């Protein structure tokens, strides 16, 4: 069997685990490393604290980029968000593979001519199922649905030119989007496990309301995620470029 090519992917961190959860859950870099390596041990992640204004000095220092989630909204007037949008636009123009998770997904859409807004549907919290609506060549699947942790109240409501939604559900029609070659956005969190989602739900219990909190705990108790499969798709997307 031929050994896969090693890939060096820049991990653009847009937030991190709150201090009071670090001992129990580690940090976002660790979460992404565990998830990615379970699907593809030959991918190396090099982290950058984008939310602190740290981005690669050389855009082509890595073979692709993975953008994390965040407690921020992409439409906030913050310098680091503006700089990251510029970085994404440059990646797009140079055809450097970029994958966004939650906030990263929304930022890709917003930066390239789509729109992200605070959804009138309220919070998505817990485990949601999405239906695959397309089958690009890099998406090697044996299923038509998948489940992921979701924690968001913002949604992509219009896509950039040349993009399409390849996964959807009633709550979030643009659950996974792509231009087919360079950009991939995933609204769910393959890097999060159920325990971490429960911790975040407890943290936001007053904000999301008791009904949504209890619904979230029920979803976590009665469902499993397809995180490893989704990280496999991320790997295939990056490797399709290589």
Protein backbone atom coordinates (compact mmCIF):
# COMPACT_ATOMS: atom_id res chain seq x y z
CA UNK A 1 0.00 0.00 0.00
CA UNK A 2 1.38 3.43 -0.95
CA UNK A 3 1.83 5.79 2.00
CA UNK A 4 -0.30 8.96 1.65
CA UNK A 5 1.48 12.24 1.07
CA UNK A 6 2.15 14.31 4.19
CA UNK A 7 0.11 17.52 4.23
CA UNK A 8 0.87 20.63 6.30
CA UNK A 9 -2.36 22.51 6.97
CA UNK A 10 -2.52 25.85 8.77
CA UNK A 11 -5.10 25.85 11.59
CA UNK A 12 -6.51 29.37 11.93
CA UNK A 13 -7.93 29.57 15.45
CA UNK A 14 -10.77 32.06 15.89
CA UNK A 15 -11.38 31.33 19.58
CA UNK A 16 -10.43 28.74 22.19
CA UNK A 17 -11.83 26.69 25.06
CA UNK A 18 -12.66 28.90 28.08
CA UNK A 19 -10.04 28.76 30.83
CA UNK A 20 -12.32 26.88 33.22
CA UNK A 21 -12.70 24.06 30.70
CA UNK A 22 -9.04 23.62 29.67
CA UNK A 23 -8.15 20.98 32.27
CA UNK A 24 -11.11 18.85 31.28
CA UNK A 25 -11.27 19.38 27.51
CA UNK A 26 -7.90 20.74 26.44
CA UNK A 27 -7.83 23.40 23.72
CA UNK A 28 -9.12 23.75 20.17
CA UNK A 29 -5.78 22.76 18.71
CA UNK A 30 -5.92 19.46 20.57
CA UNK A 31 -9.52 18.85 19.53
CA UNK A 32 -8.72 19.42 15.86
CA UNK A 33 -5.57 17.32 16.03
CA UNK A 34 -7.47 14.38 17.55
CA UNK A 35 -10.27 14.62 15.00
CA UNK A 36 -8.08 15.09 11.94
CA UNK A 37 -5.56 12.42 12.92
CA UNK A 38 -8.31 9.85 13.56
CA UNK A 39 -9.23 10.25 9.90
CA UNK A 40 -5.79 10.99 8.39
CA UNK A 41 -2.61 10.60 10.43
CA UNK A 42 -0.52 12.15 7.65
CA UNK A 43 -1.99 15.64 8.06
CA UNK A 44 -0.01 18.04 10.24
CA UNK A 45 -1.83 21.05 11.71
CA UNK A 46 0.15 24.22 12.37
CA UNK A 47 -1.90 26.55 14.62
CA UNK A 48 -2.18 30.35 14.40
CA UNK A 49 -4.15 32.49 16.83
CA UNK A 50 -6.06 34.41 14.17
CA UNK A 51 -8.36 35.90 16.82
CA UNK A 52 -5.29 37.60 18.27
CA UNK A 53 -4.25 38.92 14.87
CA UNK A 54 -1.72 36.17 14.12
CA UNK A 55 -1.80 34.87 10.54
CA UNK A 56 0.84 33.17 8.37
CA UNK A 57 3.26 35.70 6.90
CA UNK A 58 3.57 33.59 3.77
CA UNK A 59 0.23 32.49 2.37
CA UNK A 60 1.86 29.53 0.63
CA UNK A 61 3.66 28.29 3.74
CA UNK A 62 0.97 25.59 4.03
CA UNK A 63 -0.87 23.39 1.57
CA UNK A 64 -4.25 24.50 2.87
CA UNK A 65 -6.05 26.13 5.77
CA UNK A 66 -8.64 25.05 8.33
CA UNK A 67 -10.60 27.84 10.06
CA UNK A 68 -12.15 27.13 13.47
CA UNK A 69 -15.37 28.21 15.11
CA UNK A 70 -15.71 31.26 17.32
CA UNK A 71 -17.93 32.99 19.83
CA UNK A 72 -17.73 36.05 17.56
CA UNK A 73 -19.93 36.83 14.57
CA UNK A 74 -18.43 37.36 11.13
CA UNK A 75 -20.32 40.63 10.70
CA UNK A 76 -18.74 42.20 13.82
CA UNK A 77 -16.49 45.16 13.12
CA UNK A 78 -13.26 43.69 14.49
CA UNK A 79 -9.86 44.10 12.95
CA UNK A 80 -8.88 40.44 13.22
CA UNK A 81 -12.11 39.42 11.44
CA UNK A 82 -11.47 41.91 8.63
CA UNK A 83 -7.89 40.66 8.29
CA UNK A 84 -9.04 37.03 8.22
CA UNK A 85 -11.60 37.81 5.52
CA UNK A 86 -8.82 39.37 3.45
CA UNK A 87 -6.73 36.25 4.00
CA UNK A 88 -9.59 34.05 2.79
CA UNK A 89 -10.08 36.19 -0.32
CA UNK A 90 -6.39 35.84 -1.10
CA UNK A 91 -6.55 32.05 -0.61
CA UNK A 92 -9.50 31.95 -2.99
CA UNK A 93 -7.72 34.01 -5.63
CA UNK A 94 -4.64 31.78 -5.42
CA UNK A 95 -6.71 28.57 -5.29
CA UNK A 96 -5.35 27.50 -1.90
CA UNK A 97 -7.68 24.95 -0.31
CA UNK A 98 -9.54 26.35 2.70
CA UNK A 99 -12.06 24.63 4.99
CA UNK A 100 -14.19 26.54 7.48
CA UNK A 101 -15.95 25.12 10.52
CA UNK A 102 -19.00 26.99 11.93
CA UNK A 103 -17.69 30.58 12.18
CA UNK A 104 -15.09 29.63 9.56
CA UNK A 105 -17.86 28.36 7.28
CA UNK A 106 -19.80 31.60 7.73
CA UNK A 107 -16.69 33.72 7.24
CA UNK A 108 -15.84 32.04 3.91
CA UNK A 109 -19.35 32.79 2.65
CA UNK A 110 -19.38 36.36 3.98
CA UNK A 111 -15.89 37.18 2.68
CA UNK A 112 -16.56 35.95 -0.86
CA UNK A 113 -19.86 37.69 -1.55
CA UNK A 114 -22.45 35.70 0.38
CA UNK A 115 -24.22 36.79 3.55
CA UNK A 116 -24.29 35.61 7.16
CA UNK A 117 -26.91 36.95 9.58
CA UNK A 118 -28.25 36.34 13.08
CA UNK A 119 -30.93 33.77 12.35
CA UNK A 120 -34.56 34.41 13.24
CA UNK A 121 -34.75 30.67 14.03
CA UNK A 122 -32.68 31.19 17.17
CA UNK A 123 -30.02 28.87 18.51
CA UNK A 124 -29.01 25.59 16.98
CA UNK A 125 -27.68 23.47 19.83
CA UNK A 126 -27.04 19.76 20.28
CA UNK A 127 -26.77 17.20 17.48
CA UNK A 128 -28.41 17.95 14.14
CA UNK A 129 -28.74 15.73 11.08
CA UNK A 130 -28.14 17.09 7.58
CA UNK A 131 -28.97 15.57 4.20
CA UNK A 132 -26.34 15.41 1.48
CA UNK A 133 -27.73 17.05 -1.64
CA UNK A 134 -24.76 16.59 -3.98
CA UNK A 135 -21.87 14.18 -4.48
CA UNK A 136 -18.65 15.94 -5.57
CA UNK A 137 -15.80 13.66 -6.61
CA UNK A 138 -13.89 14.13 -3.34
CA UNK A 139 -16.93 13.24 -1.21
CA UNK A 140 -16.63 9.45 -0.91
CA UNK A 141 -19.79 8.52 0.99
CA UNK A 142 -21.87 5.48 1.80
CA UNK A 143 -24.69 7.50 3.36
CA UNK A 144 -27.09 10.28 2.45
CA UNK A 145 -27.23 11.90 5.91
CA UNK A 146 -24.77 12.75 8.67
CA UNK A 147 -24.95 14.09 12.24
CA UNK A 148 -22.75 16.68 13.93
CA UNK A 149 -22.65 18.81 17.06
CA UNK A 150 -24.01 22.29 16.33
CA UNK A 151 -23.66 25.46 18.43
CA UNK A 152 -24.68 28.57 16.51
CA UNK A 153 -27.21 31.36 16.16
CA UNK A 154 -25.75 32.86 12.96
CA UNK A 155 -26.39 31.28 9.56
CA UNK A 156 -25.29 31.64 5.96
CA UNK A 157 -28.42 32.89 4.17
CA UNK A 158 -26.98 33.58 0.71
CA UNK A 159 -24.08 31.91 -1.06
CA UNK A 160 -21.16 33.53 -2.85
CA UNK A 161 -21.14 33.37 -6.67
CA UNK A 162 -20.11 29.91 -7.87
CA UNK A 163 -20.94 28.18 -4.57
CA UNK A 164 -23.61 25.58 -3.89
CA UNK A 165 -25.03 23.89 -0.81
CA UNK A 166 -24.12 20.20 -0.70
CA UNK A 167 -25.80 19.43 2.64
CA UNK A 168 -28.98 20.86 4.12
CA UNK A 169 -31.66 20.57 6.79
CA UNK A 170 -34.78 22.52 7.69
CA UNK A 171 -33.09 24.53 10.43
CA UNK A 172 -29.95 25.35 8.42
CA UNK A 173 -30.44 25.03 4.64
CA UNK A 174 -26.77 25.85 3.96
CA UNK A 175 -25.28 23.24 6.27
CA UNK A 176 -22.29 22.51 4.00
CA UNK A 177 -21.20 24.67 1.08
CA UNK A 178 -18.45 24.58 -1.52
CA UNK A 179 -17.27 26.11 -4.77
CA UNK A 180 -16.29 22.57 -5.75
CA UNK A 181 -12.54 23.08 -5.83
CA UNK A 182 -11.07 25.55 -3.34
CA UNK A 183 -13.47 26.37 -0.50
CA UNK A 184 -15.49 24.12 1.80
CA UNK A 185 -17.70 25.32 4.65
CA UNK A 186 -19.26 23.08 7.32
CA UNK A 187 -21.73 24.55 9.81
CA UNK A 188 -21.41 21.72 12.35
CA UNK A 189 -18.51 20.97 14.68
CA UNK A 190 -16.77 17.65 13.92
CA UNK A 191 -14.06 18.59 16.45
CA UNK A 192 -16.48 18.78 19.41
CA UNK A 193 -17.64 15.76 21.42
CA UNK A 194 -20.92 15.42 23.30
CA UNK A 195 -19.38 16.24 26.68
CA UNK A 196 -17.98 19.50 25.42
CA UNK A 197 -21.32 20.44 23.85
CA UNK A 198 -23.07 19.78 27.19
CA UNK A 199 -20.50 21.98 28.93
CA UNK A 200 -21.14 24.81 26.43
CA UNK A 201 -24.91 24.37 26.78
CA UNK A 202 -24.64 24.71 30.55
CA UNK A 203 -22.49 27.82 30.10
CA UNK A 204 -25.17 29.38 27.85
CA UNK A 205 -28.18 27.97 29.72
CA UNK A 206 -29.67 31.36 30.61
CA UNK A 207 -28.97 32.78 27.15
CA UNK A 208 -30.59 29.97 25.18
CA UNK A 209 -33.44 29.39 27.64
CA UNK A 210 -34.47 26.33 29.62
CA UNK A 211 -36.48 24.71 26.84
CA UNK A 212 -33.56 24.85 24.39
CA UNK A 213 -31.18 23.63 27.09
CA UNK A 214 -33.33 20.58 27.88
CA UNK A 215 -33.78 19.89 24.16
CA UNK A 216 -30.00 20.00 23.73
CA UNK A 217 -29.36 17.56 26.58
CA UNK A 218 -31.95 15.20 25.08
CA UNK A 219 -30.36 15.35 21.64
CA UNK A 220 -26.96 14.58 23.13
CA UNK A 221 -28.33 11.63 25.08
CA UNK A 222 -30.11 10.05 22.13
CA UNK A 223 -27.75 10.58 19.19
CA UNK A 224 -24.20 9.88 18.06
CA UNK A 225 -22.17 12.04 15.69
CA UNK A 226 -20.47 11.23 12.38
CA UNK A 227 -17.43 13.38 13.17
CA UNK A 228 -14.83 10.89 11.93
CA UNK A 229 -16.60 10.56 8.58
CA UNK A 230 -16.75 14.34 8.22
CA UNK A 231 -13.06 14.73 9.04
CA UNK A 232 -12.49 12.06 6.39
CA UNK A 233 -14.29 14.29 3.89
CA UNK A 234 -12.11 17.23 4.99
CA UNK A 235 -9.02 15.09 4.38
CA UNK A 236 -10.28 14.05 0.95
CA UNK A 237 -11.03 17.67 0.07
CA UNK A 238 -7.49 18.74 0.92
CA UNK A 239 -5.98 15.74 -0.84
CA UNK A 240 -8.03 16.30 -3.96
CA UNK A 241 -5.99 19.49 -4.41
CA UNK A 242 -2.65 17.84 -3.70
